[in-house]
Each structure stands twice: as C-alpha cells, then as structure tokens.
Amino acid sequence: LLADYDLRAAWTADGGEVVPAVDKAAPAGPTAERPAIQPRRRPTEDPPEERHTLRLEAPLDQAVAALARRFALAPEIDAASLAARGIAPAEIVRVRVDNLTRDELFDAVVEPLGLAWNIDGGALRVFAPPASATSQPR
C-alpha cells in the first residue's frame, strides 16, 4: 500500500515509521539510496461493451433505418426475400428491451418476424433467410 504513494516503512530498534521510498537525507552511494518502488499498474481492461435500451413500435423499414443510423451503418432491407415470406417492409415491429448489446438489439428487432441480419461492408442488411436455414448469419 505504501508503495502506491512512493513511501516505505523504515524499521529501527525503537519501532517503525513511514518515510519516502527514496531517503534523500541518507548518504549518497550505490548502496545507500534505494530506488523508488514503483507501484504495479493493473492491466487495463477492455471497456465494457455499450448496452442499449429500446422501446419501439414502428414499421420495420423505419426501425432498421433508425438502428442503422444509430450505429453509423447504411440500412439495406432485402425486400424480395421478405416478399417471398409474405412480410411487408411496413410490417409493424414492437420491441421493449433493456440492457442489450448491439447484436442482441438487432436480434430483438428482426427475430419476432423470423428475419435475420448481418453487417456487410458498413451496411446493416435485413433479410428473410431461406425456410430451411437453421441459424442466422451475421
């Protein structure tokens, strides 16, 4: 604990006291002056991933556009794949979620309609996967 403040404990027969880590009053010489103890730096941790809350009731195309803007992406909705599954881009999406990551947020918007999403070259692409697909690509 003392090293964090460039201090050390100096012990004598009479007891101890807290002194600077480098004793400036001690005689000079290679063994007389101890180098200052450097406190260990804790490794920096990655900042926590940003979390999001969303309350939404809007057409899918508007919701995707708003989310894409929020994350500096261009919105792309594959209207042909949605039409093949009978889903209109104006289909109303209702979402109420708290404390989600970006990817979880995208999932919350598209999964209730059976859609999938991926990010492709700076664009948020929303599409209807083939009926036989078992996992959603990202």
N, C-alpha and C. Protein backbone atom coordinates (compact mmCIF):
# COMPACT_ATOMS: atom_id res chain seq x y z
N LEU A 1 0.82 -1.18 0.00
CA LEU A 1 0.00 0.00 0.00
C LEU A 1 0.87 1.25 0.00
N LEU A 2 1.91 1.25 0.78
CA LEU A 2 2.77 2.43 0.85
C LEU A 2 3.45 2.71 -0.49
N ALA A 3 3.80 1.66 -1.21
CA ALA A 3 4.50 1.84 -2.49
C ALA A 3 3.65 2.60 -3.49
N ASP A 4 2.34 2.50 -3.38
CA ASP A 4 1.46 3.26 -4.28
C ASP A 4 1.65 4.76 -4.11
N TYR A 5 2.17 5.17 -2.96
CA TYR A 5 2.36 6.59 -2.66
C TYR A 5 3.85 6.95 -2.56
N ASP A 6 4.71 6.13 -3.15
CA ASP A 6 6.17 6.32 -3.09
C ASP A 6 6.67 6.45 -1.64
N LEU A 7 6.13 5.62 -0.78
CA LEU A 7 6.53 5.58 0.63
C LEU A 7 6.98 4.17 0.98
N ARG A 8 7.66 4.06 2.13
CA ARG A 8 8.06 2.74 2.64
C ARG A 8 8.09 2.80 4.15
N ALA A 9 8.17 1.65 4.77
CA ALA A 9 8.29 1.59 6.23
C ALA A 9 9.77 1.46 6.56
N ALA A 10 10.26 2.31 7.47
CA ALA A 10 11.64 2.23 7.94
C ALA A 10 11.59 1.70 9.37
N TRP A 11 12.25 0.55 9.59
CA TRP A 11 12.20 -0.10 10.91
C TRP A 11 13.51 0.13 11.65
N THR A 12 13.39 0.46 12.91
CA THR A 12 14.56 0.59 13.81
C THR A 12 14.26 -0.20 15.07
N ALA A 13 15.20 -0.19 15.99
CA ALA A 13 15.00 -0.90 17.26
C ALA A 13 13.86 -0.28 18.07
N ASP A 14 13.60 1.00 17.85
CA ASP A 14 12.55 1.70 18.59
C ASP A 14 11.17 1.54 17.94
N GLY A 15 11.09 0.99 16.77
CA GLY A 15 9.81 0.86 16.07
C GLY A 15 9.96 1.22 14.60
N GLY A 16 8.86 1.52 13.98
CA GLY A 16 8.89 1.85 12.56
C GLY A 16 8.23 3.18 12.28
N GLU A 17 8.55 3.71 11.12
CA GLU A 17 7.91 4.93 10.68
C GLU A 17 7.78 4.89 9.17
N VAL A 18 6.87 5.69 8.66
CA VAL A 18 6.65 5.78 7.22
C VAL A 18 7.55 6.89 6.69
N VAL A 19 8.36 6.56 5.69
CA VAL A 19 9.30 7.52 5.10
C VAL A 19 9.18 7.45 3.59
N PRO A 20 9.72 8.46 2.89
CA PRO A 20 9.71 8.38 1.42
C PRO A 20 10.46 7.13 0.96
N ALA A 21 10.06 6.62 -0.19
CA ALA A 21 10.68 5.40 -0.70
C ALA A 21 12.16 5.62 -0.98
N VAL A 22 12.55 6.83 -1.35
CA VAL A 22 13.95 7.17 -1.53
C VAL A 22 14.30 8.15 -0.43
N ASP A 23 15.22 7.75 0.42
CA ASP A 23 15.61 8.59 1.55
C ASP A 23 16.61 9.62 1.08
N LYS A 24 16.17 10.87 0.91
CA LYS A 24 17.04 11.95 0.40
C LYS A 24 18.11 12.34 1.41
N ALA A 25 17.89 12.10 2.72
CA ALA A 25 18.84 12.50 3.75
C ALA A 25 19.96 11.48 3.94
N ALA A 26 19.79 10.30 3.42
CA ALA A 26 20.80 9.26 3.60
C ALA A 26 22.03 9.59 2.77
N PRO A 27 23.18 9.10 3.18
CA PRO A 27 24.40 9.38 2.42
C PRO A 27 24.30 8.78 1.02
N ALA A 28 24.93 9.49 0.08
CA ALA A 28 24.90 9.05 -1.31
C ALA A 28 25.84 7.87 -1.49
N GLY A 29 25.58 7.08 -2.44
CA GLY A 29 26.41 5.93 -2.74
C GLY A 29 25.57 4.85 -3.37
N PRO A 30 26.20 3.87 -4.00
CA PRO A 30 25.43 2.87 -4.72
C PRO A 30 24.53 2.03 -3.82
N THR A 31 24.90 1.81 -2.57
CA THR A 31 24.06 1.00 -1.68
C THR A 31 23.26 1.84 -0.71
N ALA A 32 23.59 3.12 -0.59
CA ALA A 32 22.92 3.95 0.41
C ALA A 32 21.52 4.35 -0.01
N GLU A 33 21.30 4.60 -1.28
CA GLU A 33 19.99 5.07 -1.73
C GLU A 33 19.26 3.93 -2.45
N ARG A 34 18.11 3.64 -1.97
CA ARG A 34 17.30 2.62 -2.61
C ARG A 34 16.47 3.26 -3.71
N PRO A 35 16.31 2.58 -4.80
CA PRO A 35 15.46 3.15 -5.85
C PRO A 35 14.01 3.19 -5.38
N ALA A 36 13.30 4.16 -5.87
CA ALA A 36 11.89 4.28 -5.50
C ALA A 36 11.15 3.04 -5.98
N ILE A 37 10.26 2.58 -5.15
CA ILE A 37 9.45 1.42 -5.51
C ILE A 37 8.32 1.91 -6.41
N GLN A 38 8.24 1.34 -7.55
CA GLN A 38 7.20 1.72 -8.49
C GLN A 38 5.97 0.84 -8.27
N PRO A 39 4.82 1.46 -8.06
CA PRO A 39 3.62 0.65 -7.89
C PRO A 39 3.30 -0.11 -9.17
N ARG A 40 2.79 -1.28 -9.02
CA ARG A 40 2.39 -2.06 -10.19
C ARG A 40 1.13 -1.48 -10.78
N ARG A 41 1.12 -1.39 -12.05
CA ARG A 41 -0.07 -0.91 -12.74
C ARG A 41 -0.96 -2.10 -13.06
N ARG A 42 -2.21 -1.94 -12.75
CA ARG A 42 -3.15 -3.01 -13.10
C ARG A 42 -3.33 -3.02 -14.60
N PRO A 43 -3.41 -4.19 -15.19
CA PRO A 43 -3.62 -4.22 -16.64
C PRO A 43 -4.95 -3.55 -16.98
N THR A 44 -4.92 -2.78 -18.02
CA THR A 44 -6.16 -2.11 -18.41
C THR A 44 -7.11 -3.14 -19.01
N GLU A 45 -8.33 -3.04 -18.60
CA GLU A 45 -9.33 -3.95 -19.12
C GLU A 45 -10.02 -3.28 -20.29
N ASP A 46 -10.54 -4.09 -21.18
CA ASP A 46 -11.31 -3.53 -22.28
C ASP A 46 -12.53 -2.85 -21.68
N PRO A 47 -12.89 -1.71 -22.25
CA PRO A 47 -14.08 -1.06 -21.71
C PRO A 47 -15.29 -1.96 -21.91
N PRO A 48 -16.24 -1.89 -21.00
CA PRO A 48 -17.41 -2.75 -21.14
C PRO A 48 -18.16 -2.41 -22.42
N GLU A 49 -18.73 -3.44 -23.02
CA GLU A 49 -19.48 -3.23 -24.25
C GLU A 49 -20.69 -2.34 -23.98
N GLU A 50 -20.93 -1.42 -24.89
CA GLU A 50 -22.04 -0.49 -24.73
C GLU A 50 -23.35 -1.27 -24.69
N ARG A 51 -24.23 -0.88 -23.77
CA ARG A 51 -25.52 -1.54 -23.61
C ARG A 51 -26.63 -0.57 -24.03
N HIS A 52 -27.75 -1.13 -24.50
CA HIS A 52 -28.81 -0.31 -25.06
C HIS A 52 -30.18 -0.72 -24.53
N THR A 53 -31.07 0.27 -24.49
CA THR A 53 -32.47 0.07 -24.15
C THR A 53 -33.28 0.58 -25.32
N LEU A 54 -34.34 -0.14 -25.66
CA LEU A 54 -35.14 0.26 -26.82
C LEU A 54 -36.62 0.04 -26.53
N ARG A 55 -37.40 1.06 -26.81
CA ARG A 55 -38.87 0.99 -26.79
C ARG A 55 -39.28 1.39 -28.19
N LEU A 56 -39.90 0.46 -28.91
CA LEU A 56 -40.15 0.69 -30.33
C LEU A 56 -41.47 0.10 -30.76
N GLU A 57 -42.20 0.86 -31.54
CA GLU A 57 -43.39 0.38 -32.23
C GLU A 57 -43.42 1.18 -33.53
N ALA A 58 -42.89 0.56 -34.59
CA ALA A 58 -42.73 1.27 -35.86
C ALA A 58 -42.66 0.27 -37.01
N PRO A 59 -42.84 0.75 -38.23
CA PRO A 59 -42.67 -0.12 -39.38
C PRO A 59 -41.23 -0.64 -39.44
N LEU A 60 -41.07 -1.86 -39.89
CA LEU A 60 -39.76 -2.50 -39.95
C LEU A 60 -38.74 -1.64 -40.69
N ASP A 61 -39.10 -1.12 -41.86
CA ASP A 61 -38.13 -0.35 -42.63
C ASP A 61 -37.67 0.90 -41.88
N GLN A 62 -38.56 1.54 -41.15
CA GLN A 62 -38.17 2.72 -40.37
C GLN A 62 -37.32 2.33 -39.15
N ALA A 63 -37.66 1.22 -38.53
CA ALA A 63 -36.88 0.74 -37.39
C ALA A 63 -35.46 0.39 -37.80
N VAL A 64 -35.33 -0.31 -38.93
CA VAL A 64 -34.00 -0.69 -39.42
C VAL A 64 -33.20 0.56 -39.78
N ALA A 65 -33.85 1.53 -40.42
CA ALA A 65 -33.16 2.77 -40.79
C ALA A 65 -32.67 3.51 -39.54
N ALA A 66 -33.50 3.57 -38.51
CA ALA A 66 -33.11 4.27 -37.28
C ALA A 66 -31.95 3.56 -36.58
N LEU A 67 -32.01 2.23 -36.51
CA LEU A 67 -30.92 1.48 -35.88
C LEU A 67 -29.63 1.61 -36.68
N ALA A 68 -29.75 1.55 -37.99
CA ALA A 68 -28.56 1.67 -38.84
C ALA A 68 -27.90 3.04 -38.62
N ARG A 69 -28.70 4.09 -38.57
CA ARG A 69 -28.16 5.43 -38.32
C ARG A 69 -27.46 5.49 -36.97
N ARG A 70 -28.07 4.90 -35.97
CA ARG A 70 -27.51 4.91 -34.62
C ARG A 70 -26.11 4.30 -34.57
N PHE A 71 -25.88 3.30 -35.40
CA PHE A 71 -24.60 2.61 -35.39
C PHE A 71 -23.75 2.94 -36.62
N ALA A 72 -24.06 4.06 -37.27
CA ALA A 72 -23.30 4.55 -38.43
C ALA A 72 -23.22 3.50 -39.54
N LEU A 73 -24.34 2.88 -39.83
CA LEU A 73 -24.42 1.89 -40.89
C LEU A 73 -25.47 2.34 -41.90
N ALA A 74 -25.37 1.81 -43.11
CA ALA A 74 -26.38 2.08 -44.12
C ALA A 74 -27.44 0.97 -44.04
N PRO A 75 -28.72 1.32 -44.04
CA PRO A 75 -29.75 0.29 -43.95
C PRO A 75 -30.00 -0.37 -45.30
N GLU A 76 -30.12 -1.69 -45.30
CA GLU A 76 -30.46 -2.45 -46.50
C GLU A 76 -31.48 -3.50 -46.11
N ILE A 77 -32.66 -3.43 -46.71
CA ILE A 77 -33.69 -4.44 -46.48
C ILE A 77 -33.87 -5.20 -47.79
N ASP A 78 -33.72 -6.51 -47.72
CA ASP A 78 -33.91 -7.36 -48.91
C ASP A 78 -35.41 -7.58 -49.09
N ALA A 79 -36.04 -6.65 -49.80
CA ALA A 79 -37.50 -6.69 -49.98
C ALA A 79 -37.95 -7.95 -50.69
N ALA A 80 -37.15 -8.47 -51.62
CA ALA A 80 -37.53 -9.68 -52.36
C ALA A 80 -37.63 -10.89 -51.42
N SER A 81 -36.65 -11.04 -50.52
CA SER A 81 -36.71 -12.19 -49.61
C SER A 81 -37.85 -12.04 -48.61
N LEU A 82 -38.14 -10.80 -48.20
CA LEU A 82 -39.27 -10.57 -47.30
C LEU A 82 -40.58 -10.88 -48.01
N ALA A 83 -40.73 -10.44 -49.26
CA ALA A 83 -41.94 -10.68 -50.02
C ALA A 83 -42.16 -12.17 -50.23
N ALA A 84 -41.08 -12.93 -50.45
CA ALA A 84 -41.20 -14.37 -50.64
C ALA A 84 -41.76 -15.05 -49.40
N ARG A 85 -41.57 -14.45 -48.23
CA ARG A 85 -42.10 -15.00 -46.98
C ARG A 85 -43.39 -14.31 -46.55
N GLY A 86 -43.89 -13.37 -47.38
CA GLY A 86 -45.14 -12.70 -47.07
C GLY A 86 -45.02 -11.61 -46.01
N ILE A 87 -43.83 -11.01 -45.91
CA ILE A 87 -43.60 -9.95 -44.92
C ILE A 87 -43.39 -8.64 -45.66
N ALA A 88 -44.16 -7.64 -45.30
CA ALA A 88 -44.03 -6.32 -45.93
C ALA A 88 -43.00 -5.49 -45.16
N PRO A 89 -42.20 -4.65 -45.85
CA PRO A 89 -41.26 -3.78 -45.15
C PRO A 89 -41.96 -2.84 -44.16
N ALA A 90 -43.26 -2.60 -44.36
CA ALA A 90 -44.01 -1.72 -43.46
C ALA A 90 -44.63 -2.49 -42.29
N GLU A 91 -44.31 -3.77 -42.15
CA GLU A 91 -44.80 -4.57 -41.03
C GLU A 91 -44.39 -3.90 -39.71
N ILE A 92 -45.33 -3.77 -38.79
CA ILE A 92 -45.06 -3.10 -37.52
C ILE A 92 -44.22 -4.01 -36.61
N VAL A 93 -43.18 -3.43 -36.07
CA VAL A 93 -42.29 -4.13 -35.14
C VAL A 93 -42.50 -3.52 -33.75
N ARG A 94 -42.70 -4.37 -32.76
CA ARG A 94 -42.86 -3.91 -31.38
C ARG A 94 -41.75 -4.52 -30.53
N VAL A 95 -40.98 -3.66 -29.90
CA VAL A 95 -39.84 -4.12 -29.11
C VAL A 95 -39.76 -3.30 -27.83
N ARG A 96 -39.55 -4.00 -26.72
CA ARG A 96 -39.30 -3.36 -25.42
C ARG A 96 -38.20 -4.17 -24.75
N VAL A 97 -36.98 -3.65 -24.81
CA VAL A 97 -35.84 -4.38 -24.26
C VAL A 97 -34.93 -3.44 -23.48
N ASP A 98 -34.20 -4.01 -22.54
CA ASP A 98 -33.26 -3.26 -21.70
C ASP A 98 -31.91 -3.94 -21.66
N ASN A 99 -30.87 -3.14 -21.59
CA ASN A 99 -29.53 -3.63 -21.29
C ASN A 99 -29.03 -4.68 -22.29
N LEU A 100 -29.15 -4.40 -23.57
CA LEU A 100 -28.70 -5.33 -24.60
C LEU A 100 -27.49 -4.79 -25.33
N THR A 101 -26.67 -5.70 -25.84
CA THR A 101 -25.58 -5.30 -26.72
C THR A 101 -26.14 -4.93 -28.08
N ARG A 102 -25.31 -4.38 -28.93
CA ARG A 102 -25.77 -4.02 -30.27
C ARG A 102 -26.34 -5.23 -31.00
N ASP A 103 -25.64 -6.34 -30.99
CA ASP A 103 -26.09 -7.53 -31.71
C ASP A 103 -27.41 -8.06 -31.13
N GLU A 104 -27.52 -8.06 -29.80
CA GLU A 104 -28.77 -8.51 -29.18
C GLU A 104 -29.93 -7.58 -29.54
N LEU A 105 -29.62 -6.30 -29.69
CA LEU A 105 -30.63 -5.33 -30.08
C LEU A 105 -31.15 -5.61 -31.49
N PHE A 106 -30.23 -5.86 -32.42
CA PHE A 106 -30.65 -6.21 -33.78
C PHE A 106 -31.48 -7.49 -33.78
N ASP A 107 -31.06 -8.48 -33.00
CA ASP A 107 -31.83 -9.73 -32.90
C ASP A 107 -33.25 -9.45 -32.40
N ALA A 108 -33.38 -8.61 -31.39
CA ALA A 108 -34.69 -8.33 -30.80
C ALA A 108 -35.64 -7.70 -31.81
N VAL A 109 -35.11 -6.96 -32.77
CA VAL A 109 -35.96 -6.30 -33.77
C VAL A 109 -36.38 -7.26 -34.87
N VAL A 110 -35.47 -8.13 -35.34
CA VAL A 110 -35.79 -8.95 -36.51
C VAL A 110 -36.31 -10.35 -36.19
N GLU A 111 -35.91 -10.93 -35.08
CA GLU A 111 -36.30 -12.32 -34.79
C GLU A 111 -37.80 -12.55 -34.65
N PRO A 112 -38.59 -11.63 -34.06
CA PRO A 112 -40.03 -11.89 -33.96
C PRO A 112 -40.70 -12.08 -35.32
N LEU A 113 -40.11 -11.53 -36.37
CA LEU A 113 -40.66 -11.70 -37.72
C LEU A 113 -40.00 -12.86 -38.47
N GLY A 114 -39.09 -13.55 -37.80
CA GLY A 114 -38.40 -14.68 -38.44
C GLY A 114 -37.34 -14.21 -39.43
N LEU A 115 -36.84 -13.00 -39.23
CA LEU A 115 -35.83 -12.45 -40.14
C LEU A 115 -34.44 -12.60 -39.55
N ALA A 116 -33.47 -12.28 -40.36
CA ALA A 116 -32.07 -12.34 -39.94
C ALA A 116 -31.40 -11.04 -40.36
N TRP A 117 -30.20 -10.83 -39.87
CA TRP A 117 -29.46 -9.62 -40.21
C TRP A 117 -27.98 -9.96 -40.29
N ASN A 118 -27.25 -9.11 -40.98
CA ASN A 118 -25.79 -9.16 -40.94
C ASN A 118 -25.27 -7.77 -41.26
N ILE A 119 -24.02 -7.57 -40.98
CA ILE A 119 -23.36 -6.32 -41.32
C ILE A 119 -22.38 -6.64 -42.42
N ASP A 120 -22.57 -5.98 -43.55
CA ASP A 120 -21.79 -6.28 -44.74
C ASP A 120 -21.23 -4.97 -45.30
N GLY A 121 -19.95 -4.75 -45.10
CA GLY A 121 -19.31 -3.57 -45.66
C GLY A 121 -19.92 -2.25 -45.22
N GLY A 122 -20.23 -2.11 -43.96
CA GLY A 122 -20.78 -0.86 -43.46
C GLY A 122 -22.28 -0.72 -43.64
N ALA A 123 -22.95 -1.81 -44.01
CA ALA A 123 -24.40 -1.77 -44.18
C ALA A 123 -25.05 -2.80 -43.27
N LEU A 124 -26.15 -2.40 -42.65
CA LEU A 124 -26.97 -3.32 -41.86
C LEU A 124 -27.97 -3.93 -42.82
N ARG A 125 -27.79 -5.21 -43.10
CA ARG A 125 -28.63 -5.90 -44.07
C ARG A 125 -29.64 -6.78 -43.32
N VAL A 126 -30.93 -6.58 -43.62
CA VAL A 126 -32.00 -7.37 -43.00
C VAL A 126 -32.66 -8.17 -44.12
N PHE A 127 -32.87 -9.45 -43.88
CA PHE A 127 -33.41 -10.33 -44.91
C PHE A 127 -34.16 -11.49 -44.28
N ALA A 128 -34.92 -12.17 -45.09
CA ALA A 128 -35.62 -13.38 -44.66
C ALA A 128 -34.76 -14.57 -45.11
N PRO A 129 -34.25 -15.33 -44.16
CA PRO A 129 -33.42 -16.47 -44.55
C PRO A 129 -34.28 -17.53 -45.21
N PRO A 130 -33.68 -18.40 -46.01
CA PRO A 130 -34.44 -19.49 -46.59
C PRO A 130 -35.12 -20.32 -45.49
N ALA A 131 -36.28 -20.84 -45.79
CA ALA A 131 -37.06 -21.58 -44.79
C ALA A 131 -36.28 -22.74 -44.20
N SER A 132 -35.31 -23.29 -44.91
CA SER A 132 -34.56 -24.44 -44.40
C SER A 132 -33.37 -24.03 -43.55
N ALA A 133 -33.09 -22.73 -43.44
CA ALA A 133 -31.94 -22.27 -42.65
C ALA A 133 -32.21 -22.49 -41.17
N THR A 134 -31.20 -23.03 -40.48
CA THR A 134 -31.36 -23.30 -39.04
C THR A 134 -30.64 -22.27 -38.19
N SER A 135 -29.72 -21.53 -38.77
CA SER A 135 -29.03 -20.50 -37.99
C SER A 135 -29.03 -19.21 -38.79
N GLN A 136 -28.87 -18.14 -38.09
CA GLN A 136 -28.91 -16.83 -38.72
C GLN A 136 -27.50 -16.34 -38.94
N PRO A 137 -27.13 -16.00 -40.19
CA PRO A 137 -25.79 -15.50 -40.44
C PRO A 137 -25.63 -14.08 -39.91
N ARG A 138 -24.42 -13.73 -39.63
CA ARG A 138 -24.13 -12.35 -39.20
C ARG A 138 -22.93 -11.87 -39.93
